[in-house]
Amino acid sequence: MREGSRPVAENPPEDAPRKRKQRGGGPNGRERMRRGYARAEQRNQEARDALEPLREGERPLVVTIGAVLSGLIALSIVGGYVGGVEVDGERANFAQVAAPALLMGVMAWGMWRARYWAVLGFQVILVFLIFSAVFGLAAQAASVAQIAATLGLLAVSGTFFYFMVKAMARIQMPSRLPRD
């Protein structure tokens, strides 16, 4: 026996705990993984089956709210430019205003029409907002008011993101129900 090594029992008692690899008789790693994937796919299928397809022209409430919010953001960007708003003492050039206004306007139109790509794009913006808020909370929040406002922003954007996931699943369903 080497110095510093522990003695290994030749035949440990039957009820002694053993490492997973030493247990034997059970499924190997691949089989456990295969069973895990099968269970997860079964749960996914049950969740898909529980979804109700959108009727023609129907739009989930959270998507409608997102469309209105995107439209208001686009209008506020254009309104600020027309109103002569300055950032750091300088007026923004047209490209700095047109790009985000156009992006938010197209996204508003797409969500109003219940398009998957628009909802996905809005969720990407929400993710950036959530990450920025977490970073701001961790690195820059200096007062109780800043912390409270950032936590409020995180609560609203996180909740909005959560509810949009189900709406996206309903939007991408292959069959839509006819109108009544």
Protein backbone atom coordinates (compact mmCIF):
# COMPACT_ATOMS: atom_id res chain seq x y z
CA MET A 1 0.00 0.00 0.00
CA ARG A 2 1.28 3.48 -0.89
CA GLU A 3 1.79 6.03 1.79
CA GLY A 4 -1.25 8.32 2.14
CA SER A 5 -3.67 6.03 0.35
CA ARG A 6 -6.67 4.55 2.08
CA PRO A 7 -7.12 0.84 2.37
CA VAL A 8 -9.79 -0.56 0.07
CA ALA A 9 -11.98 -3.33 1.40
CA GLU A 10 -11.80 -6.38 -0.80
CA ASN A 11 -15.44 -7.36 -0.28
CA PRO A 12 -17.51 -4.55 1.25
CA PRO A 13 -20.72 -5.54 3.03
CA GLU A 14 -23.83 -5.73 0.80
CA ASP A 15 -25.57 -2.79 2.47
CA ALA A 16 -22.52 -0.51 2.31
CA PRO A 17 -22.97 2.58 0.09
CA ARG A 18 -21.11 2.30 -3.18
CA LYS A 19 -20.31 4.67 -5.97
CA ARG A 20 -22.72 4.64 -8.87
CA LYS A 21 -20.18 3.05 -11.22
CA GLN A 22 -19.52 0.27 -8.70
CA ARG A 23 -23.17 -0.64 -8.17
CA GLY A 24 -23.55 -2.56 -11.38
CA GLY A 25 -26.75 -4.21 -12.46
CA GLY A 26 -28.40 -0.86 -13.22
CA PRO A 27 -28.65 0.99 -16.48
CA ASN A 28 -25.52 2.53 -17.86
CA GLY A 29 -25.14 6.27 -18.45
CA ARG A 30 -26.43 6.20 -22.01
CA GLU A 31 -29.55 4.28 -21.02
CA ARG A 32 -30.29 6.68 -18.14
CA MET A 33 -29.83 9.62 -20.49
CA ARG A 34 -32.10 8.01 -23.09
CA ARG A 35 -34.81 7.45 -20.46
CA GLY A 36 -34.42 11.04 -19.22
CA TYR A 37 -34.82 12.42 -22.73
CA ALA A 38 -37.85 10.21 -23.30
CA ARG A 39 -39.50 11.49 -20.09
CA ALA A 40 -38.71 15.10 -21.01
CA GLU A 41 -40.11 14.63 -24.52
CA GLN A 42 -43.27 13.09 -23.05
CA ARG A 43 -43.72 16.15 -20.78
CA ASN A 44 -43.06 18.45 -23.76
CA GLN A 45 -45.66 16.64 -25.85
CA GLU A 46 -48.21 16.88 -23.03
CA ALA A 47 -47.55 20.63 -22.81
CA ARG A 48 -47.96 21.00 -26.60
CA ASP A 49 -51.19 19.01 -26.52
CA ALA A 50 -52.58 21.27 -23.79
CA LEU A 51 -52.05 24.40 -25.93
CA GLU A 52 -55.05 25.82 -27.71
CA PRO A 53 -54.31 27.06 -31.26
CA LEU A 54 -55.04 30.69 -32.03
CA ARG A 55 -58.19 31.45 -33.95
CA GLU A 56 -57.75 33.36 -37.19
CA GLY A 57 -57.02 36.98 -36.29
CA GLU A 58 -56.62 36.18 -32.58
CA ARG A 59 -53.72 37.65 -30.67
CA PRO A 60 -52.75 36.79 -27.08
CA LEU A 61 -53.16 39.67 -24.62
CA VAL A 62 -49.46 39.77 -23.74
CA VAL A 63 -48.59 40.09 -27.45
CA THR A 64 -51.12 42.92 -27.82
CA ILE A 65 -49.56 44.71 -24.86
CA GLY A 66 -46.11 44.18 -26.39
CA ALA A 67 -47.29 45.56 -29.75
CA VAL A 68 -48.74 48.68 -28.14
CA LEU A 69 -45.60 49.15 -26.02
CA SER A 70 -43.34 48.78 -29.08
CA GLY A 71 -45.44 51.27 -31.01
CA LEU A 72 -45.30 53.77 -28.15
CA ILE A 73 -41.52 53.40 -27.93
CA ALA A 74 -41.18 53.99 -31.69
CA LEU A 75 -43.40 57.09 -31.44
CA SER A 76 -41.47 58.40 -28.45
CA ILE A 77 -38.18 58.06 -30.32
CA VAL A 78 -39.53 59.99 -33.30
CA GLY A 79 -41.26 62.51 -31.03
CA GLY A 80 -38.04 63.15 -29.13
CA TYR A 81 -36.16 63.75 -32.36
CA VAL A 82 -38.81 66.11 -33.73
CA GLY A 83 -38.94 67.88 -30.36
CA GLY A 84 -35.20 68.54 -30.50
CA VAL A 85 -34.17 66.42 -27.53
CA GLU A 86 -30.43 66.46 -26.90
CA VAL A 87 -28.31 63.69 -25.45
CA ASP A 88 -25.13 64.79 -23.67
CA GLY A 89 -25.62 68.26 -25.11
CA GLU A 90 -25.81 67.10 -28.74
CA ARG A 91 -28.72 66.41 -31.01
CA ALA A 92 -28.80 62.84 -32.37
CA ASN A 93 -28.30 62.40 -36.10
CA PHE A 94 -31.05 60.89 -38.22
CA ALA A 95 -29.56 57.37 -38.39
CA GLN A 96 -29.34 57.17 -34.61
CA VAL A 97 -33.08 57.87 -34.45
CA ALA A 98 -34.33 56.06 -37.54
CA ALA A 99 -32.81 52.64 -36.80
CA PRO A 100 -34.37 52.02 -33.36
CA ALA A 101 -37.63 53.73 -34.33
CA LEU A 102 -37.93 51.58 -37.44
CA LEU A 103 -37.00 48.42 -35.51
CA MET A 104 -39.60 49.07 -32.81
CA GLY A 105 -42.21 50.10 -35.40
CA VAL A 106 -41.74 46.94 -37.47
CA MET A 107 -41.80 44.88 -34.30
CA ALA A 108 -45.06 46.56 -33.23
CA TRP A 109 -46.62 45.80 -36.62
CA GLY A 110 -45.42 42.18 -36.49
CA MET A 111 -46.73 41.59 -32.98
CA TRP A 112 -50.04 43.23 -33.88
CA ARG A 113 -50.28 40.65 -36.68
CA ALA A 114 -49.21 37.89 -34.19
CA ARG A 115 -46.02 37.02 -36.04
CA TYR A 116 -43.61 34.68 -34.31
CA TRP A 117 -40.47 36.54 -35.44
CA ALA A 118 -41.75 39.80 -33.92
CA VAL A 119 -42.51 38.22 -30.55
CA LEU A 120 -39.12 36.52 -30.58
CA GLY A 121 -37.41 39.82 -31.37
CA PHE A 122 -39.27 41.53 -28.55
CA GLN A 123 -38.16 38.78 -26.18
CA VAL A 124 -34.55 39.31 -27.24
CA ILE A 125 -34.90 42.98 -26.31
CA LEU A 126 -36.44 41.93 -22.97
CA VAL A 127 -33.48 39.64 -22.30
CA PHE A 128 -31.05 42.52 -22.93
CA LEU A 129 -33.13 44.68 -20.61
CA ILE A 130 -33.12 42.00 -17.90
CA PHE A 131 -29.35 41.45 -18.14
CA SER A 132 -28.70 45.20 -18.11
CA ALA A 133 -30.91 45.64 -15.06
CA VAL A 134 -29.17 42.82 -13.20
CA PHE A 135 -25.77 44.30 -14.05
CA GLY A 136 -26.94 47.75 -12.98
CA LEU A 137 -28.28 46.34 -9.75
CA ALA A 138 -25.04 44.53 -9.01
CA ALA A 139 -22.59 47.19 -10.12
CA GLN A 140 -24.18 50.61 -10.05
CA ALA A 141 -27.26 50.87 -7.84
CA ALA A 142 -26.26 53.37 -5.17
CA SER A 143 -29.51 54.39 -3.50
CA VAL A 144 -32.62 52.70 -2.21
CA ALA A 145 -34.64 54.41 -4.95
CA GLN A 146 -32.34 53.02 -7.68
CA ILE A 147 -32.49 49.54 -6.20
CA ALA A 148 -36.30 49.66 -5.92
CA ALA A 149 -36.71 50.97 -9.49
CA THR A 150 -34.35 48.33 -10.88
CA LEU A 151 -36.11 45.54 -8.98
CA GLY A 152 -39.43 46.83 -10.31
CA LEU A 153 -38.05 46.83 -13.86
CA LEU A 154 -36.80 43.27 -13.37
CA ALA A 155 -40.16 42.12 -12.01
CA VAL A 156 -42.12 43.65 -14.90
CA SER A 157 -39.77 42.58 -17.70
CA GLY A 158 -39.27 39.09 -16.25
CA THR A 159 -43.00 38.53 -15.88
CA PHE A 160 -43.62 39.86 -19.37
CA PHE A 161 -40.95 37.52 -20.77
CA TYR A 162 -42.45 34.54 -18.92
CA PHE A 163 -45.95 35.06 -20.30
CA MET A 164 -44.65 35.64 -23.83
CA VAL A 165 -43.18 32.12 -23.94
CA LYS A 166 -46.60 30.49 -23.93
CA ALA A 167 -47.91 33.04 -26.42
CA MET A 168 -45.03 32.21 -28.76
CA ALA A 169 -45.84 28.53 -28.51
CA ARG A 170 -49.45 29.21 -29.45
CA ILE A 171 -48.40 31.46 -32.35
CA GLN A 172 -46.10 28.85 -33.88
CA MET A 173 -48.68 26.04 -33.72
CA PRO A 174 -49.21 24.70 -37.23
CA SER A 175 -53.00 24.73 -37.35
CA ARG A 176 -55.27 27.63 -36.59
CA LEU A 177 -58.90 27.15 -35.71
CA PRO A 178 -61.50 28.77 -38.01
CA ARG A 179 -63.52 31.70 -36.74
CA ASP A 180 -66.87 30.96 -35.12
